[in-house]
């Protein structure tokens, strides 16, 4: 059941005042202009990046217009120091990324926690990744390849990549430890890397926003990922605010049974620093309900970890039957279409992956039957010439029946990122745009360079803000989830420190979020408690749409950020 402990800041009043005479308030505006939605802004662009907690990426942001940001400097020891499975604090942070182990780094710290000696270069405290792995270090894997513990410096591609870190539904709940934030390391396959962070003020996005003629922006420093775990579920929360149900899921314990199995601590796996107390299984669905289920965790037939769609494009692995949204709206795109408002999901690499030969984003030439782009997935079968780092589970609308291949809704709304760039330059953006960069440009640890992704983000912002609709466009930059990295702020529902709605599915760890645009008058910090579904709530309140779940019905919309920036009303 959804819990709401304190009243939330509600922005609907601000938005409704601006919409009182708007066509959108009466059912939505057709075409590329939302008719006054979002206060002074007629267009909303959501750029959805990948896998970083707030402290990991923005923890050293510094103040904004003299206003304090809740970053690493304000992290108290009780929410910072990591503890072993038995609750004993580590003396050192063990590492298994090949570029952070000792050797090659000096062993300045020794520890006997977890029953075995550890030699490490890291004390039990947050550390800067780029003190050890520079942005131009050759530690990134070749496209489509991966290494469990990272790519040794000098053997890979430039970009300063780390290894990937686990980011899954039940693991994150253990890591949060009821808001203590002290089991990220124990609950991770990447162990001490969870405490790594970047030098925020060296990031291209920070440099851009502090350069000459920079945009005004609002830093939302209490914005949480909508659901526990990884990218699949949080993309679903971005557009639907709920976990999809696997209709007809097996319950027989066979190989076809995709339910997770949890131990007494609610954990589903064995990791270097975690030993389960009983049988475990780390699978695509929640644990099955019943007498053996862990009562402290969600159960049922909900898809919560990475699972493939039934429709092309899809990758290897189990597939989720399509969610039937043909008779009633099940996601925000459905609602916008039914209200007559224009929108699109723009994905980097979409035309290649979906087989749209000759589309704006098609890069695989004119030789029928052959994928000619050297960056295509080695296992691709023409015309589905997906990029080697195209992530199929990052395409949430492809899980819904209304957007099946061959449908009018698919053709109208699922587009390539190249189409977005063209629309921004031409001044033909729809009312609502979702932008999802391709893998190499989305900042995901393990296969993408942080600085390359941040550079791409800056390029997107420059394209938007130099276009004809710049003054009328509000941009939200946020991240799908924490990517396995620590953050010191307890999410709503994890203890009582942070207000906001919470339930058995989230919200999870705090993520970086910016609200910006050429039409904002001031910069500042917004301390309002938000989660991913706040974006849905903002759209719903602007267009008079009904909520799709109890979460988006209760969460704060983004109107407080507009007030901070004095961008909410035409007369503000």
Protein backbone atom coordinates (compact mmCIF):
# COMPACT_ATOMS: atom_id res chain seq x y z
CA UNK A 1 0.00 0.00 0.00
CA UNK A 2 1.21 3.49 -0.83
CA UNK A 3 2.26 5.50 2.19
CA UNK A 4 2.29 9.25 2.46
CA UNK A 5 3.53 10.58 5.75
CA UNK A 6 3.51 14.33 5.20
CA UNK A 7 1.82 16.77 2.89
CA UNK A 8 3.67 17.30 -0.37
CA UNK A 9 4.20 20.62 -2.15
CA UNK A 10 1.49 20.62 -4.80
CA UNK A 11 2.14 22.50 -8.02
CA UNK A 12 -1.24 21.89 -9.60
CA UNK A 13 -2.53 25.28 -8.45
CA UNK A 14 0.28 27.07 -10.26
CA UNK A 15 -0.25 25.06 -13.40
CA UNK A 16 -4.04 25.30 -13.37
CA UNK A 17 -3.85 29.09 -13.14
CA UNK A 18 -1.75 29.16 -16.28
CA UNK A 19 -4.02 26.65 -18.00
CA UNK A 20 -7.39 28.15 -17.12
CA UNK A 21 -7.92 29.46 -20.65
CA UNK A 22 -5.70 26.91 -22.38
CA UNK A 23 -6.90 24.43 -25.03
CA UNK A 24 -4.86 21.81 -23.17
CA UNK A 25 -7.05 22.20 -20.09
CA UNK A 26 -10.08 21.33 -22.18
CA UNK A 27 -8.63 18.10 -23.51
CA UNK A 28 -5.24 18.85 -25.02
CA UNK A 29 -3.86 20.76 -27.95
CA UNK A 30 -3.08 19.03 -31.20
CA UNK A 31 0.09 19.65 -33.16
CA UNK A 32 3.45 20.80 -31.86
CA UNK A 33 2.28 23.43 -29.36
CA UNK A 34 0.72 22.58 -26.03
CA UNK A 35 -1.25 25.82 -25.86
CA UNK A 36 0.13 27.22 -22.60
CA UNK A 37 0.93 24.00 -20.78
CA UNK A 38 3.61 24.17 -18.05
CA UNK A 39 3.05 27.83 -17.35
CA UNK A 40 4.98 29.91 -19.86
CA UNK A 41 6.33 26.84 -21.64
CA UNK A 42 4.57 25.16 -24.55
CA UNK A 43 7.03 22.29 -24.95
CA UNK A 44 8.51 19.82 -22.47
CA UNK A 45 11.65 17.82 -23.29
CA UNK A 46 12.73 15.00 -20.94
CA UNK A 47 16.30 13.78 -21.47
CA UNK A 48 16.68 10.42 -19.74
CA UNK A 49 20.30 9.55 -18.93
CA UNK A 50 21.70 6.42 -17.27
CA UNK A 51 22.83 5.02 -13.97
CA UNK A 52 24.28 7.55 -11.55
CA UNK A 53 23.27 8.54 -8.04
CA UNK A 54 23.20 12.20 -7.10
CA UNK A 55 26.28 11.98 -4.87
CA UNK A 56 28.12 9.92 -7.47
CA UNK A 57 27.72 12.56 -10.19
CA UNK A 58 26.50 15.87 -8.72
CA UNK A 59 27.72 15.50 -5.15
CA UNK A 60 30.35 18.24 -5.60
CA UNK A 61 28.14 20.66 -7.56
CA UNK A 62 28.61 23.54 -5.12
CA UNK A 63 26.06 26.26 -4.45
CA UNK A 64 23.68 27.63 -7.06
CA UNK A 65 23.03 31.40 -6.95
CA UNK A 66 24.19 31.35 -3.35
CA UNK A 67 21.82 28.51 -2.41
CA UNK A 68 23.23 25.38 -0.76
CA UNK A 69 23.05 21.98 -2.47
CA UNK A 70 22.63 18.81 -0.40
CA UNK A 71 25.81 17.15 -1.66
CA UNK A 72 28.60 14.96 -0.35
CA UNK A 73 29.84 17.65 2.04
CA UNK A 74 26.61 17.39 4.03
CA UNK A 75 26.68 13.58 4.29
CA UNK A 76 26.69 12.48 7.92
CA UNK A 77 28.86 9.47 8.91
CA UNK A 78 25.82 7.37 9.86
CA UNK A 79 24.66 7.42 6.20
CA UNK A 80 28.14 7.16 4.71
CA UNK A 81 30.18 4.46 6.42
CA UNK A 82 29.55 1.04 4.90
CA UNK A 83 28.97 -2.06 7.02
CA UNK A 84 29.49 -5.79 6.48
CA UNK A 85 26.69 -8.35 6.43
CA UNK A 86 26.93 -8.71 10.22
CA UNK A 87 26.70 -4.92 10.70
CA UNK A 88 30.42 -4.41 11.44
CA UNK A 89 31.90 -1.32 9.73
CA UNK A 90 34.61 -2.00 7.18
CA UNK A 91 38.00 -0.45 7.83
CA UNK A 92 38.79 -0.41 4.09
CA UNK A 93 36.79 -0.56 0.91
CA UNK A 94 37.73 -3.71 -1.01
CA UNK A 95 37.80 -3.28 -4.79
CA UNK A 96 37.54 -5.61 -7.78
CA UNK A 97 37.65 -3.13 -10.67
CA UNK A 98 41.00 -4.00 -12.28
CA UNK A 99 42.07 -0.37 -12.20
CA UNK A 100 41.28 0.12 -8.49
CA UNK A 101 42.66 -3.05 -6.91
CA UNK A 102 45.96 -3.23 -5.01
CA UNK A 103 48.06 -3.75 -7.07
CA UNK A 104 48.17 -1.68 -9.25
CA UNK A 105 47.24 0.87 -6.55
CA UNK A 106 49.24 0.92 -3.30
CA UNK A 107 47.71 -0.97 -0.37
CA UNK A 108 47.39 1.83 2.17
CA UNK A 109 44.67 0.14 4.21
CA UNK A 110 44.24 -3.37 5.61
CA UNK A 111 41.08 -4.96 6.97
CA UNK A 112 39.92 -8.33 8.29
CA UNK A 113 36.18 -7.68 7.98
CA UNK A 114 34.07 -10.40 6.37
CA UNK A 115 36.48 -13.01 7.68
CA UNK A 116 39.40 -12.52 5.31
CA UNK A 117 42.25 -10.02 5.00
CA UNK A 118 41.74 -7.12 2.62
CA UNK A 119 44.45 -4.86 1.24
CA UNK A 120 43.11 -1.71 -0.35
CA UNK A 121 44.00 1.82 -1.37
CA UNK A 122 40.66 3.05 -0.02
CA UNK A 123 39.43 3.80 3.46
CA UNK A 124 35.76 3.32 4.28
CA UNK A 125 34.68 6.65 2.79
CA UNK A 126 33.56 8.16 -0.52
CA UNK A 127 36.39 8.67 -3.01
CA UNK A 128 36.88 10.33 -6.39
CA UNK A 129 36.91 7.89 -9.28
CA UNK A 130 38.75 10.33 -11.53
CA UNK A 131 41.65 10.56 -9.09
CA UNK A 132 42.46 7.03 -10.30
CA UNK A 133 40.70 6.61 -13.66
CA UNK A 134 41.04 9.74 -15.79
CA UNK A 135 38.44 10.74 -18.41
CA UNK A 136 40.86 9.97 -21.25
CA UNK A 137 42.19 6.68 -19.84
CA UNK A 138 41.81 3.69 -22.17
CA UNK A 139 39.56 1.70 -19.83
CA UNK A 140 36.38 1.41 -21.94
CA UNK A 141 35.47 -1.88 -23.63
CA UNK A 142 35.07 -2.11 -27.36
CA UNK A 143 31.42 -1.70 -28.48
CA UNK A 144 29.37 -4.76 -27.64
CA UNK A 145 32.03 -6.22 -25.37
CA UNK A 146 32.21 -6.23 -21.58
CA UNK A 147 34.48 -7.33 -18.78
CA UNK A 148 33.07 -8.30 -15.39
CA UNK A 149 35.69 -6.37 -13.46
CA UNK A 150 36.44 -3.64 -15.98
CA UNK A 151 38.98 -3.11 -18.75
CA UNK A 152 42.60 -2.68 -17.68
CA UNK A 153 44.13 0.67 -18.56
CA UNK A 154 45.97 0.54 -21.85
CA UNK A 155 43.92 -2.36 -23.24
CA UNK A 156 40.66 -0.65 -24.11
CA UNK A 157 39.15 2.41 -25.72
CA UNK A 158 39.54 5.95 -24.33
CA UNK A 159 36.86 7.37 -22.03
CA UNK A 160 37.76 6.51 -18.44
CA UNK A 161 35.13 3.77 -17.94
CA UNK A 162 34.75 1.82 -14.71
CA UNK A 163 33.28 -1.64 -14.44
CA UNK A 164 29.49 -1.89 -14.15
CA UNK A 165 27.78 -2.17 -10.76
CA UNK A 166 24.72 -4.27 -9.96
CA UNK A 167 21.48 -2.29 -9.90
CA UNK A 168 18.53 -4.61 -9.35
CA UNK A 169 15.22 -4.53 -7.54
CA UNK A 170 15.81 -6.49 -4.34
CA UNK A 171 19.53 -5.71 -4.07
CA UNK A 172 18.87 -1.98 -3.82
CA UNK A 173 16.39 -2.41 -1.00
CA UNK A 174 19.02 -4.28 0.97
CA UNK A 175 21.60 -1.61 0.13
CA UNK A 176 19.35 1.19 1.39
CA UNK A 177 19.02 -0.66 4.73
CA UNK A 178 15.82 1.15 5.77
CA UNK A 179 17.37 4.52 5.06
CA UNK A 180 20.73 3.96 6.72
CA UNK A 181 22.39 3.94 3.26
CA UNK A 182 25.15 1.71 4.64
CA UNK A 183 24.96 -1.57 2.69
CA UNK A 184 25.69 -0.41 -0.85
CA UNK A 185 29.11 -2.11 -0.73
CA UNK A 186 27.97 -5.38 0.87
CA UNK A 187 25.00 -5.67 -1.50
CA UNK A 188 27.04 -5.10 -4.67
CA UNK A 189 29.01 -7.27 -7.06
CA UNK A 190 31.32 -4.26 -7.50
CA UNK A 191 31.91 -3.94 -3.72
CA UNK A 192 33.83 -0.74 -2.84
CA UNK A 193 33.26 0.97 -6.20
CA UNK A 194 29.79 1.88 -4.87
CA UNK A 195 31.44 4.70 -2.89
CA UNK A 196 33.07 6.28 -5.93
CA UNK A 197 32.08 9.73 -7.14
CA UNK A 198 33.13 12.08 -9.93
CA UNK A 199 34.66 15.55 -9.75
CA UNK A 200 31.41 17.30 -10.57
CA UNK A 201 32.94 20.61 -11.58
CA UNK A 202 35.06 18.89 -14.22
CA UNK A 203 32.02 17.40 -15.96
CA UNK A 204 31.09 18.91 -19.35
CA UNK A 205 27.53 19.64 -18.14
CA UNK A 206 28.80 21.63 -15.13
CA UNK A 207 31.27 23.51 -17.30
CA UNK A 208 28.53 24.33 -19.81
CA UNK A 209 26.12 25.64 -17.18
CA UNK A 210 28.85 27.85 -15.67
CA UNK A 211 30.26 29.25 -18.91
CA UNK A 212 29.61 32.53 -20.66
CA UNK A 213 25.97 33.01 -21.62
CA UNK A 214 24.93 29.88 -19.72
CA UNK A 215 21.31 28.87 -19.28
CA UNK A 216 19.50 29.47 -16.04
CA UNK A 217 18.73 26.18 -14.34
CA UNK A 218 17.25 24.67 -11.20
CA UNK A 219 19.06 21.80 -9.51
CA UNK A 220 16.50 19.47 -7.90
CA UNK A 221 18.56 17.92 -5.12
CA UNK A 222 15.88 15.62 -3.66
CA UNK A 223 14.76 13.80 -6.80
CA UNK A 224 14.62 9.99 -6.40
CA UNK A 225 14.41 7.17 -8.92
CA UNK A 226 10.79 6.08 -9.12
CA UNK A 227 11.32 2.37 -8.47
CA UNK A 228 13.94 0.22 -6.80
CA UNK A 229 16.48 -1.42 -9.07
CA UNK A 230 17.46 -0.95 -12.67
CA UNK A 231 16.71 0.63 -15.98
CA UNK A 232 13.87 -1.59 -17.19
CA UNK A 233 11.57 -0.86 -14.27
CA UNK A 234 12.44 2.82 -14.01
CA UNK A 235 11.68 3.36 -17.70
CA UNK A 236 8.29 1.82 -16.99
CA UNK A 237 7.84 4.19 -14.06
CA UNK A 238 8.74 7.15 -16.27
CA UNK A 239 5.83 6.46 -18.62
CA UNK A 240 3.40 4.33 -16.58
CA UNK A 241 4.24 4.81 -12.86
CA UNK A 242 3.87 1.10 -12.16
CA UNK A 243 5.46 -2.29 -12.73
CA UNK A 244 3.99 -4.33 -15.60
CA UNK A 245 2.40 -7.68 -14.79
CA UNK A 246 3.57 -10.85 -16.52
CA UNK A 247 0.24 -12.38 -17.52
CA UNK A 248 0.40 -16.17 -17.41
CA UNK A 249 3.68 -16.39 -15.48
CA UNK A 250 4.73 -19.91 -14.45
CA UNK A 251 4.63 -20.79 -10.75
CA UNK A 252 6.03 -24.31 -10.83
CA UNK A 253 9.67 -23.69 -9.92
CA UNK A 254 10.82 -24.87 -13.35
CA UNK A 255 13.36 -23.14 -15.56
CA UNK A 256 10.43 -21.25 -17.10
CA UNK A 257 9.46 -19.85 -13.71
CA UNK A 258 10.88 -16.32 -13.67
CA UNK A 259 10.11 -15.50 -10.05
CA UNK A 260 12.88 -14.44 -7.70
CA UNK A 261 13.62 -16.33 -4.47
CA UNK A 262 14.76 -14.37 -1.41
CA UNK A 263 16.60 -15.26 1.76
CA UNK A 264 15.68 -14.07 5.26
CA UNK A 265 17.19 -10.63 4.58
CA UNK A 266 15.26 -10.16 1.35
CA UNK A 267 18.36 -10.75 -0.77
CA UNK A 268 18.33 -12.84 -3.99
CA UNK A 269 21.99 -13.59 -4.77
CA UNK A 270 25.52 -14.46 -3.63
CA UNK A 271 28.13 -11.68 -3.90
CA UNK A 272 31.75 -11.28 -2.81
CA UNK A 273 30.71 -9.78 0.54
CA UNK A 274 27.26 -11.35 0.92
CA UNK A 275 26.42 -14.97 1.75
CA UNK A 276 22.70 -15.87 1.56
CA UNK A 277 20.99 -17.43 4.56
CA UNK A 278 19.05 -19.85 2.35
CA UNK A 279 18.06 -20.64 -1.25
CA UNK A 280 18.06 -17.62 -3.57
CA UNK A 281 17.28 -16.83 -7.18
CA UNK A 282 17.87 -13.48 -8.88
CA UNK A 283 15.26 -13.42 -11.65
CA UNK A 284 13.08 -11.16 -13.79
CA UNK A 285 9.94 -11.16 -11.64
CA UNK A 286 9.16 -10.42 -8.02
CA UNK A 287 9.07 -13.35 -5.62
CA UNK A 288 5.90 -15.39 -5.87
CA UNK A 289 3.34 -14.73 -3.16
CA UNK A 290 2.70 -17.51 -0.69
CA UNK A 291 3.73 -18.92 2.68
CA UNK A 292 7.44 -19.03 1.81
CA UNK A 293 7.62 -15.46 0.50
CA UNK A 294 9.63 -12.88 2.44
CA UNK A 295 6.83 -10.73 3.95
CA UNK A 296 8.96 -7.57 3.95
CA UNK A 297 9.29 -7.49 0.14
CA UNK A 298 6.94 -7.17 -2.84
CA UNK A 299 5.51 -10.40 -4.26
CA UNK A 300 3.43 -11.37 -7.27
CA UNK A 301 3.90 -11.58 -11.04
CA UNK A 302 5.47 -8.15 -11.52
CA UNK A 303 8.33 -7.67 -13.97
CA UNK A 304 10.98 -5.75 -12.02
CA UNK A 305 14.36 -6.72 -13.47
CA UNK A 306 15.54 -6.61 -17.08
CA UNK A 307 13.24 -8.56 -19.39
CA UNK A 308 12.89 -8.27 -23.16
CA UNK A 309 9.81 -7.08 -25.08
CA UNK A 310 7.95 -9.46 -27.37
CA UNK A 311 8.09 -6.99 -30.24
CA UNK A 312 11.16 -6.23 -32.30
CA UNK A 313 13.61 -4.83 -31.54
CA UNK A 314 14.45 -7.20 -28.69
CA UNK A 315 17.58 -8.80 -27.29
CA UNK A 316 18.41 -12.18 -25.84
CA UNK A 317 16.56 -13.51 -22.81
CA UNK A 318 13.06 -14.00 -21.45
CA UNK A 319 10.31 -11.87 -22.98
CA UNK A 320 7.40 -10.08 -21.34
CA UNK A 321 4.02 -10.59 -23.02
CA UNK A 322 2.74 -7.27 -24.41
CA UNK A 323 0.86 -5.04 -21.98
CA UNK A 324 -2.60 -4.50 -23.44
CA UNK A 325 -3.27 -0.77 -23.61
CA UNK A 326 -5.51 -0.94 -26.68
CA UNK A 327 -8.77 -0.51 -24.76
CA UNK A 328 -7.71 1.93 -22.03
CA UNK A 329 -4.71 4.17 -21.41
CA UNK A 330 -1.87 2.43 -19.56
CA UNK A 331 0.89 4.99 -20.07
CA UNK A 332 1.32 8.73 -20.41
CA UNK A 333 1.72 8.49 -24.18
CA UNK A 334 -1.70 6.86 -24.45
CA UNK A 335 -3.21 9.62 -22.34
CA UNK A 336 -1.59 12.40 -24.36
CA UNK A 337 -2.76 10.86 -27.63
CA UNK A 338 -6.30 10.43 -26.33
CA UNK A 339 -6.26 14.10 -25.28
CA UNK A 340 -5.11 15.19 -28.72
CA UNK A 341 -1.67 16.38 -27.56
CA UNK A 342 1.45 15.74 -29.64
CA UNK A 343 4.34 13.70 -28.25
CA UNK A 344 7.16 11.36 -29.24
CA UNK A 345 9.78 9.04 -27.78
CA UNK A 346 13.11 9.69 -29.53
CA UNK A 347 15.78 7.01 -29.09
CA UNK A 348 19.35 7.03 -30.30
CA UNK A 349 19.85 4.09 -32.66
CA UNK A 350 16.13 3.40 -33.02
CA UNK A 351 15.97 3.32 -36.82
CA UNK A 352 18.86 0.84 -37.00
CA UNK A 353 17.45 -1.39 -34.27
CA UNK A 354 13.86 -1.37 -35.53
CA UNK A 355 14.81 -1.98 -39.15
CA UNK A 356 13.62 1.37 -40.51
CA UNK A 357 15.81 1.24 -43.61
CA UNK A 358 16.40 4.74 -44.91
CA UNK A 359 15.05 6.44 -41.77
CA UNK A 360 16.66 9.60 -40.42
CA UNK A 361 18.86 7.57 -38.08
CA UNK A 362 19.65 4.67 -40.44
CA UNK A 363 23.42 4.24 -40.80
CA UNK A 364 23.63 0.77 -42.34
CA UNK A 365 23.91 1.65 -45.98
CA UNK A 366 22.00 0.52 -49.06
CA UNK A 367 23.18 -3.07 -49.47
CA UNK A 368 20.06 -5.15 -48.92
CA UNK A 369 20.57 -7.97 -46.44
CA UNK A 370 23.75 -6.54 -44.93
CA UNK A 371 24.29 -4.41 -41.84
CA UNK A 372 27.21 -2.24 -42.97
CA UNK A 373 27.75 0.09 -39.99
CA UNK A 374 30.91 -1.19 -38.25
CA UNK A 375 29.32 -0.35 -34.87
CA UNK A 376 26.37 -2.74 -35.37
CA UNK A 377 25.76 -5.68 -33.05
CA UNK A 378 27.66 -8.69 -34.35
CA UNK A 379 24.56 -10.85 -33.86
CA UNK A 380 22.19 -8.50 -35.69
CA UNK A 381 20.10 -9.88 -38.55
CA UNK A 382 19.23 -7.41 -41.33
CA UNK A 383 17.25 -5.17 -41.32
CA UNK A 384 17.38 -5.12 -37.50
CA UNK A 385 20.89 -3.67 -37.43
CA UNK A 386 21.03 -2.53 -33.81
CA UNK A 387 24.07 -0.67 -32.53
CA UNK A 388 26.30 -2.90 -30.39
CA UNK A 389 25.36 -0.81 -27.32
CA UNK A 390 21.66 -0.37 -28.12
CA UNK A 391 19.67 -1.30 -25.00
CA UNK A 392 16.33 -2.89 -25.87
CA UNK A 393 14.93 -2.59 -22.34
CA UNK A 394 15.40 1.20 -22.52
CA UNK A 395 12.46 1.41 -24.97
CA UNK A 396 9.44 1.29 -22.63
CA UNK A 397 6.69 1.89 -25.19
CA UNK A 398 7.79 -1.19 -27.13
CA UNK A 399 6.32 -3.30 -24.32
CA UNK A 400 2.77 -2.01 -25.00
CA UNK A 401 0.36 -3.43 -27.60
CA UNK A 402 -0.68 -0.03 -28.88
CA UNK A 403 2.87 0.45 -30.25
CA UNK A 404 3.30 -2.94 -31.91
CA UNK A 405 5.16 -3.03 -35.24
CA UNK A 406 2.92 -1.91 -38.06
CA UNK A 407 0.59 0.23 -35.93
CA UNK A 408 -0.12 3.87 -36.61
CA UNK A 409 0.82 4.80 -33.05
CA UNK A 410 4.26 3.25 -33.43
CA UNK A 411 4.93 5.17 -36.62
CA UNK A 412 3.67 8.42 -35.12
CA UNK A 413 5.38 8.31 -31.74
CA UNK A 414 8.46 6.03 -31.67
CA UNK A 415 11.24 7.83 -33.51
CA UNK A 416 15.00 8.11 -33.81
CA UNK A 417 17.00 10.74 -31.93
CA UNK A 418 17.95 12.20 -35.32
CA UNK A 419 14.28 13.11 -35.78
CA UNK A 420 14.40 15.00 -32.49
CA UNK A 421 17.45 16.98 -33.53
CA UNK A 422 15.79 17.88 -36.82
CA UNK A 423 12.58 18.95 -35.06
CA UNK A 424 14.48 21.08 -32.54
CA UNK A 425 16.37 22.84 -35.34
CA UNK A 426 13.25 23.36 -37.43
CA UNK A 427 11.04 24.53 -34.58
CA UNK A 428 8.62 21.59 -34.93
CA UNK A 429 8.95 19.88 -31.56
CA UNK A 430 5.83 18.15 -30.25
CA UNK A 431 4.30 19.23 -26.96
CA UNK A 432 6.14 16.47 -25.05
CA UNK A 433 9.43 14.86 -26.11
CA UNK A 434 11.26 12.03 -24.40
CA UNK A 435 14.90 11.69 -25.52
CA UNK A 436 16.89 8.51 -24.88
CA UNK A 437 20.53 8.54 -26.10
CA UNK A 438 22.05 5.36 -27.45
CA UNK A 439 24.28 3.29 -25.16
CA UNK A 440 27.63 4.84 -26.00
CA UNK A 441 26.22 8.30 -25.19
CA UNK A 442 24.03 7.65 -22.14
CA UNK A 443 26.71 7.67 -19.34
CA UNK A 444 26.07 4.07 -18.23
CA UNK A 445 29.06 2.66 -16.26
CA UNK A 446 30.63 -0.43 -17.73
CA UNK A 447 30.08 0.26 -21.41
CA UNK A 448 29.89 4.06 -21.72
CA UNK A 449 32.25 6.92 -20.95
CA UNK A 450 30.91 9.41 -18.43
CA UNK A 451 32.50 12.39 -20.18
CA UNK A 452 31.36 11.27 -23.64
CA UNK A 453 27.79 11.01 -22.37
CA UNK A 454 28.00 14.38 -20.66
CA UNK A 455 29.36 15.91 -23.87
CA UNK A 456 26.40 14.47 -25.77
CA UNK A 457 24.02 15.90 -23.17
CA UNK A 458 25.53 19.34 -23.70
CA UNK A 459 25.15 18.96 -27.46
CA UNK A 460 21.45 18.12 -27.01
CA UNK A 461 20.93 21.19 -24.83
CA UNK A 462 22.72 23.43 -27.30
CA UNK A 463 20.54 22.13 -30.12
CA UNK A 464 17.34 22.77 -28.15
CA UNK A 465 18.30 26.21 -26.91
CA UNK A 466 19.51 27.44 -30.29
CA UNK A 467 16.30 26.40 -32.04
CA UNK A 468 13.25 28.53 -32.85
CA UNK A 469 11.25 27.12 -29.90
CA UNK A 470 13.96 27.69 -27.28
CA UNK A 471 12.07 30.29 -25.22
CA UNK A 472 8.98 28.09 -25.11
CA UNK A 473 10.74 24.83 -24.18
CA UNK A 474 11.33 23.50 -20.68
CA UNK A 475 13.94 20.74 -20.39
CA UNK A 476 14.20 18.16 -17.61
CA UNK A 477 17.47 16.23 -17.46
CA UNK A 478 17.35 13.25 -15.14
CA UNK A 479 18.74 9.74 -14.74
CA UNK A 480 16.80 6.51 -14.76
CA UNK A 481 18.42 5.09 -11.63
CA UNK A 482 21.45 5.04 -9.37
CA UNK A 483 23.53 2.53 -11.30
CA UNK A 484 24.52 0.82 -8.05
CA UNK A 485 26.24 3.87 -6.54
CA UNK A 486 25.83 5.18 -3.00
CA UNK A 487 23.92 8.27 -1.99
CA UNK A 488 23.58 9.68 1.51
CA UNK A 489 19.95 10.91 1.41
CA UNK A 490 17.29 8.41 2.50
CA UNK A 491 14.48 8.01 -0.04
CA UNK A 492 10.83 8.40 0.98
CA UNK A 493 9.65 5.25 2.72
CA UNK A 494 13.14 4.40 4.01
CA UNK A 495 12.87 5.67 7.57
CA UNK A 496 10.94 8.87 8.15
CA UNK A 497 13.52 11.49 7.20
CA UNK A 498 12.28 12.32 3.69
CA UNK A 499 8.64 13.18 2.89
CA UNK A 500 6.85 11.78 -0.13
CA UNK A 501 4.76 8.84 -1.29
CA UNK A 502 6.30 5.36 -1.07
CA UNK A 503 5.23 1.78 -1.57
CA UNK A 504 6.68 -1.72 -2.01
CA UNK A 505 8.25 -0.73 -5.34
CA UNK A 506 10.00 2.51 -4.42
CA UNK A 507 11.13 5.17 -4.71
CA UNK A 508 14.83 4.34 -4.62
CA UNK A 509 18.13 6.17 -4.49
CA UNK A 510 18.42 9.91 -5.25
CA UNK A 511 19.45 10.74 -8.83
CA UNK A 512 20.81 13.89 -10.54
CA UNK A 513 18.11 16.15 -11.97
CA UNK A 514 18.14 19.54 -13.67
CA UNK A 515 15.23 21.71 -14.79
CA UNK A 516 16.45 24.24 -17.34
CA UNK A 517 15.66 26.26 -20.41
CA UNK A 518 16.31 29.49 -22.23
CA UNK A 519 13.05 30.89 -20.82
CA UNK A 520 13.98 30.53 -17.14
CA UNK A 521 14.72 33.84 -15.45
CA UNK A 522 16.84 32.72 -12.50
CA UNK A 523 18.91 29.77 -11.30
CA UNK A 524 18.48 28.09 -7.95
CA UNK A 525 18.06 24.93 -5.91
CA UNK A 526 14.77 23.10 -5.36
CA UNK A 527 14.70 20.93 -2.23
CA UNK A 528 11.20 19.54 -2.95
CA UNK A 529 10.96 15.76 -2.64
CA UNK A 530 10.32 14.32 -6.12
CA UNK A 531 10.60 10.97 -7.85
CA UNK A 532 10.56 9.86 -11.49
CA UNK A 533 6.75 9.85 -11.53
CA UNK A 534 6.82 13.60 -10.83
CA UNK A 535 7.42 14.03 -14.56
CA UNK A 536 4.20 12.15 -15.30
CA UNK A 537 2.37 14.16 -12.65
CA UNK A 538 3.60 17.39 -14.25
CA UNK A 539 2.23 16.35 -17.65
CA UNK A 540 -1.03 15.13 -16.13
CA UNK A 541 -1.60 18.35 -14.21
CA UNK A 542 -0.75 20.48 -17.23
CA UNK A 543 -3.17 18.62 -19.52
CA UNK A 544 -5.90 17.73 -17.05
CA UNK A 545 -5.16 14.00 -17.36
CA UNK A 546 -6.06 11.35 -14.81
CA UNK A 547 -3.29 9.66 -12.82
CA UNK A 548 -2.37 6.12 -13.84
CA UNK A 549 -1.36 4.82 -10.40
CA UNK A 550 -1.41 5.75 -6.74
CA UNK A 551 2.16 7.04 -7.04
CA UNK A 552 1.68 9.70 -9.70
CA UNK A 553 -1.58 10.64 -7.98
CA UNK A 554 0.31 11.56 -4.80
CA UNK A 555 3.76 12.74 -5.85
CA UNK A 556 4.72 16.41 -6.23
CA UNK A 557 4.82 17.83 -9.75
CA UNK A 558 7.66 20.08 -10.90
CA UNK A 559 5.88 23.40 -10.44
CA UNK A 560 8.04 24.31 -7.40
CA UNK A 561 11.09 24.29 -9.68
CA UNK A 562 9.36 26.78 -11.96
CA UNK A 563 8.71 29.01 -8.98
CA UNK A 564 12.38 28.85 -8.02
CA UNK A 565 13.34 29.93 -11.54
CA UNK A 566 10.48 32.43 -11.87
CA UNK A 567 9.43 30.60 -14.98
CA UNK A 568 6.00 29.35 -14.01
CA UNK A 569 3.74 32.16 -15.21
CA UNK A 570 3.87 34.68 -17.96
CA UNK A 571 3.59 37.46 -15.38
CA UNK A 572 6.11 36.02 -12.86
